[in-house]
Amino acid sequence: MLKAQILKKLRRHGYWGGRHTSFDELPKGTPKHLHGTIKDIAEELIKEELLLSHPTAYGLQVSLNPKRKADIDEIIKECLGEEP
């Protein structure tokens, strides 16, 4: 469920490919006790290549992988029951 929420948030804000956001900002808007879990799930999403990582001088940045758009949409639909 949290995996789909992370993907949906990034999709809603248009973070695809070259447009990215800080890895540390991913837990923003979620309860504090879930922040560590959100970061762990985001690391899994990077390993699954659903998220692309962009290391920069000012910290790790992430974006959705445009090559996996169909998979991302499917996860959001299955887990949250919403059309992306």
N, C-alpha and C. Protein backbone atom coordinates (compact mmCIF):
# COMPACT_ATOMS: atom_id res chain seq x y z
N MET A 1 0.81 -1.19 0.00
CA MET A 1 0.00 0.00 0.00
C MET A 1 0.86 1.27 0.00
N LEU A 2 1.90 1.30 0.85
CA LEU A 2 2.77 2.47 0.89
C LEU A 2 3.54 2.63 -0.41
N LYS A 3 3.88 1.50 -1.01
CA LYS A 3 4.58 1.53 -2.30
C LYS A 3 3.74 2.27 -3.33
N ALA A 4 2.48 1.93 -3.40
CA ALA A 4 1.58 2.58 -4.36
C ALA A 4 1.39 4.06 -4.04
N GLN A 5 1.36 4.39 -2.76
CA GLN A 5 1.19 5.79 -2.38
C GLN A 5 2.40 6.63 -2.78
N ILE A 6 3.60 6.08 -2.64
CA ILE A 6 4.81 6.78 -3.07
C ILE A 6 4.76 7.01 -4.57
N LEU A 7 4.44 5.96 -5.32
CA LEU A 7 4.38 6.07 -6.77
C LEU A 7 3.32 7.07 -7.21
N LYS A 8 2.16 7.03 -6.55
CA LYS A 8 1.08 7.95 -6.91
C LYS A 8 1.48 9.40 -6.64
N LYS A 9 2.12 9.64 -5.51
CA LYS A 9 2.55 10.99 -5.18
C LYS A 9 3.51 11.54 -6.24
N LEU A 10 4.49 10.73 -6.61
CA LEU A 10 5.46 11.17 -7.62
C LEU A 10 4.78 11.37 -8.98
N ARG A 11 3.85 10.49 -9.30
CA ARG A 11 3.13 10.59 -10.58
C ARG A 11 2.27 11.86 -10.61
N ARG A 12 1.59 12.13 -9.51
CA ARG A 12 0.72 13.30 -9.42
C ARG A 12 1.51 14.60 -9.62
N HIS A 13 2.74 14.62 -9.13
CA HIS A 13 3.58 15.81 -9.25
C HIS A 13 4.41 15.83 -10.54
N GLY A 14 4.30 14.78 -11.35
CA GLY A 14 4.98 14.75 -12.64
C GLY A 14 6.47 14.49 -12.58
N TYR A 15 6.92 13.74 -11.58
CA TYR A 15 8.35 13.43 -11.45
C TYR A 15 8.71 12.21 -12.30
N TRP A 16 8.86 12.42 -13.58
CA TRP A 16 9.23 11.37 -14.54
C TRP A 16 10.62 11.69 -15.11
N GLY A 17 11.47 10.68 -15.21
CA GLY A 17 12.75 10.82 -15.89
C GLY A 17 13.60 11.97 -15.39
N GLY A 18 13.75 13.03 -16.21
CA GLY A 18 14.62 14.14 -15.89
C GLY A 18 14.12 15.07 -14.80
N ARG A 19 12.83 15.05 -14.51
CA ARG A 19 12.29 15.89 -13.43
C ARG A 19 12.28 15.05 -12.16
N HIS A 20 13.03 15.46 -11.17
CA HIS A 20 13.18 14.64 -9.97
C HIS A 20 12.99 15.45 -8.70
N THR A 21 12.90 14.73 -7.59
CA THR A 21 12.74 15.33 -6.28
C THR A 21 13.70 14.67 -5.31
N SER A 22 13.93 15.32 -4.20
CA SER A 22 14.85 14.81 -3.20
C SER A 22 14.32 13.52 -2.55
N PHE A 23 15.21 12.56 -2.39
CA PHE A 23 14.87 11.30 -1.72
C PHE A 23 14.38 11.59 -0.30
N ASP A 24 14.99 12.58 0.35
CA ASP A 24 14.63 12.90 1.73
C ASP A 24 13.25 13.54 1.85
N GLU A 25 12.68 14.01 0.74
CA GLU A 25 11.35 14.63 0.76
C GLU A 25 10.23 13.61 0.57
N LEU A 26 10.56 12.38 0.23
CA LEU A 26 9.51 11.39 -0.02
C LEU A 26 8.57 11.16 1.16
N PRO A 27 9.07 11.13 2.39
CA PRO A 27 8.15 10.90 3.52
C PRO A 27 7.29 12.10 3.88
N LYS A 28 7.55 13.23 3.28
CA LYS A 28 6.81 14.45 3.61
C LYS A 28 5.31 14.21 3.44
N GLY A 29 4.53 14.62 4.45
CA GLY A 29 3.09 14.46 4.39
C GLY A 29 2.59 13.16 4.99
N THR A 30 3.50 12.32 5.48
CA THR A 30 3.10 11.08 6.13
C THR A 30 3.41 11.17 7.61
N PRO A 31 2.78 10.36 8.44
CA PRO A 31 3.07 10.38 9.88
C PRO A 31 4.56 10.10 10.16
N LYS A 32 5.10 10.76 11.18
CA LYS A 32 6.53 10.66 11.48
C LYS A 32 6.98 9.23 11.73
N HIS A 33 6.13 8.41 12.34
CA HIS A 33 6.54 7.04 12.64
C HIS A 33 6.70 6.19 11.37
N LEU A 34 6.24 6.67 10.22
CA LEU A 34 6.38 5.93 8.96
C LEU A 34 7.55 6.41 8.11
N HIS A 35 8.23 7.47 8.50
CA HIS A 35 9.28 8.04 7.66
C HIS A 35 10.38 7.03 7.32
N GLY A 36 10.84 6.25 8.30
CA GLY A 36 11.87 5.25 8.03
C GLY A 36 11.36 4.18 7.07
N THR A 37 10.13 3.76 7.25
CA THR A 37 9.53 2.74 6.40
C THR A 37 9.41 3.25 4.96
N ILE A 38 9.00 4.50 4.80
CA ILE A 38 8.85 5.09 3.46
C ILE A 38 10.20 5.07 2.74
N LYS A 39 11.26 5.45 3.44
CA LYS A 39 12.60 5.46 2.83
C LYS A 39 13.05 4.05 2.46
N ASP A 40 12.75 3.07 3.31
CA ASP A 40 13.10 1.68 3.00
C ASP A 40 12.35 1.20 1.75
N ILE A 41 11.08 1.52 1.66
CA ILE A 41 10.28 1.12 0.49
C ILE A 41 10.80 1.82 -0.76
N ALA A 42 11.19 3.08 -0.64
CA ALA A 42 11.72 3.82 -1.78
C ALA A 42 13.02 3.18 -2.27
N GLU A 43 13.85 2.69 -1.35
CA GLU A 43 15.07 1.99 -1.75
C GLU A 43 14.74 0.71 -2.52
N GLU A 44 13.69 0.00 -2.08
CA GLU A 44 13.24 -1.19 -2.80
C GLU A 44 12.77 -0.82 -4.20
N LEU A 45 12.04 0.29 -4.32
CA LEU A 45 11.55 0.73 -5.63
C LEU A 45 12.70 1.07 -6.56
N ILE A 46 13.79 1.59 -6.02
CA ILE A 46 14.98 1.86 -6.83
C ILE A 46 15.57 0.54 -7.31
N LYS A 47 15.65 -0.45 -6.42
CA LYS A 47 16.18 -1.77 -6.80
C LYS A 47 15.32 -2.44 -7.85
N GLU A 48 14.00 -2.22 -7.78
CA GLU A 48 13.05 -2.80 -8.75
C GLU A 48 13.02 -1.99 -10.05
N GLU A 49 13.76 -0.89 -10.08
CA GLU A 49 13.86 0.01 -11.23
C GLU A 49 12.54 0.69 -11.57
N LEU A 50 11.68 0.83 -10.57
CA LEU A 50 10.47 1.63 -10.76
C LEU A 50 10.80 3.09 -10.52
N LEU A 51 11.79 3.33 -9.65
CA LEU A 51 12.31 4.67 -9.43
C LEU A 51 13.74 4.74 -9.97
N LEU A 52 14.07 5.87 -10.55
CA LEU A 52 15.43 6.13 -11.00
C LEU A 52 16.11 7.01 -9.96
N SER A 53 17.37 6.72 -9.66
CA SER A 53 18.09 7.56 -8.72
C SER A 53 19.05 8.47 -9.48
N HIS A 54 19.16 9.68 -9.00
CA HIS A 54 20.02 10.70 -9.61
C HIS A 54 20.92 11.28 -8.52
N PRO A 55 22.11 10.71 -8.29
CA PRO A 55 22.98 11.28 -7.27
C PRO A 55 23.45 12.68 -7.70
N THR A 56 23.38 13.63 -6.79
CA THR A 56 23.83 14.99 -7.07
C THR A 56 24.73 15.46 -5.94
N ALA A 57 25.36 16.59 -6.12
CA ALA A 57 26.22 17.16 -5.08
C ALA A 57 25.41 17.53 -3.84
N TYR A 58 24.12 17.80 -4.01
CA TYR A 58 23.28 18.22 -2.89
C TYR A 58 22.38 17.11 -2.38
N GLY A 59 22.63 15.86 -2.74
CA GLY A 59 21.88 14.73 -2.21
C GLY A 59 21.25 13.88 -3.29
N LEU A 60 20.72 12.74 -2.89
CA LEU A 60 20.10 11.81 -3.82
C LEU A 60 18.75 12.34 -4.28
N GLN A 61 18.52 12.29 -5.57
CA GLN A 61 17.25 12.69 -6.18
C GLN A 61 16.63 11.45 -6.81
N VAL A 62 15.31 11.39 -6.86
CA VAL A 62 14.61 10.25 -7.46
C VAL A 62 13.50 10.73 -8.39
N SER A 63 13.18 9.87 -9.36
CA SER A 63 12.06 10.13 -10.27
C SER A 63 11.50 8.79 -10.72
N LEU A 64 10.32 8.83 -11.30
CA LEU A 64 9.70 7.62 -11.83
C LEU A 64 10.39 7.22 -13.13
N ASN A 65 10.50 5.92 -13.35
CA ASN A 65 11.12 5.40 -14.56
C ASN A 65 10.08 5.39 -15.68
N PRO A 66 10.26 6.23 -16.71
CA PRO A 66 9.26 6.29 -17.79
C PRO A 66 9.13 4.97 -18.55
N LYS A 67 10.17 4.15 -18.55
CA LYS A 67 10.11 2.85 -19.24
C LYS A 67 9.22 1.87 -18.51
N ARG A 68 8.91 2.14 -17.25
CA ARG A 68 8.08 1.24 -16.44
C ARG A 68 6.71 1.85 -16.14
N LYS A 69 6.27 2.80 -16.99
CA LYS A 69 5.01 3.52 -16.77
C LYS A 69 3.83 2.56 -16.62
N ALA A 70 3.73 1.57 -17.47
CA ALA A 70 2.60 0.63 -17.40
C ALA A 70 2.61 -0.12 -16.06
N ASP A 71 3.79 -0.54 -15.61
CA ASP A 71 3.89 -1.25 -14.32
C ASP A 71 3.49 -0.34 -13.17
N ILE A 72 3.95 0.91 -13.21
CA ILE A 72 3.63 1.87 -12.16
C ILE A 72 2.12 2.11 -12.11
N ASP A 73 1.51 2.32 -13.27
CA ASP A 73 0.06 2.54 -13.33
C ASP A 73 -0.69 1.33 -12.78
N GLU A 74 -0.22 0.13 -13.09
CA GLU A 74 -0.87 -1.10 -12.64
C GLU A 74 -0.79 -1.24 -11.12
N ILE A 75 0.36 -0.93 -10.53
CA ILE A 75 0.53 -1.01 -9.08
C ILE A 75 -0.43 -0.04 -8.39
N ILE A 76 -0.52 1.18 -8.91
CA ILE A 76 -1.41 2.18 -8.33
C ILE A 76 -2.86 1.71 -8.42
N LYS A 77 -3.24 1.16 -9.58
CA LYS A 77 -4.62 0.72 -9.77
C LYS A 77 -4.95 -0.47 -8.86
N GLU A 78 -4.04 -1.45 -8.77
CA GLU A 78 -4.29 -2.65 -7.97
C GLU A 78 -4.36 -2.33 -6.48
N CYS A 79 -3.43 -1.54 -6.00
CA CYS A 79 -3.34 -1.29 -4.56
C CYS A 79 -4.30 -0.24 -4.06
N LEU A 80 -4.52 0.80 -4.85
CA LEU A 80 -5.36 1.90 -4.37
C LEU A 80 -6.73 1.92 -5.03
N GLY A 81 -6.92 1.07 -6.06
CA GLY A 81 -8.21 1.00 -6.72
C GLY A 81 -8.56 2.26 -7.48
N GLU A 82 -7.53 3.00 -7.88
CA GLU A 82 -7.76 4.26 -8.59
C GLU A 82 -7.11 4.24 -9.95
N GLU A 83 -7.74 4.88 -10.87
CA GLU A 83 -7.12 5.05 -12.19
C GLU A 83 -6.07 6.14 -12.06
N PRO A 84 -4.86 5.89 -12.54
CA PRO A 84 -3.82 6.93 -12.44
C PRO A 84 -4.09 8.13 -13.30
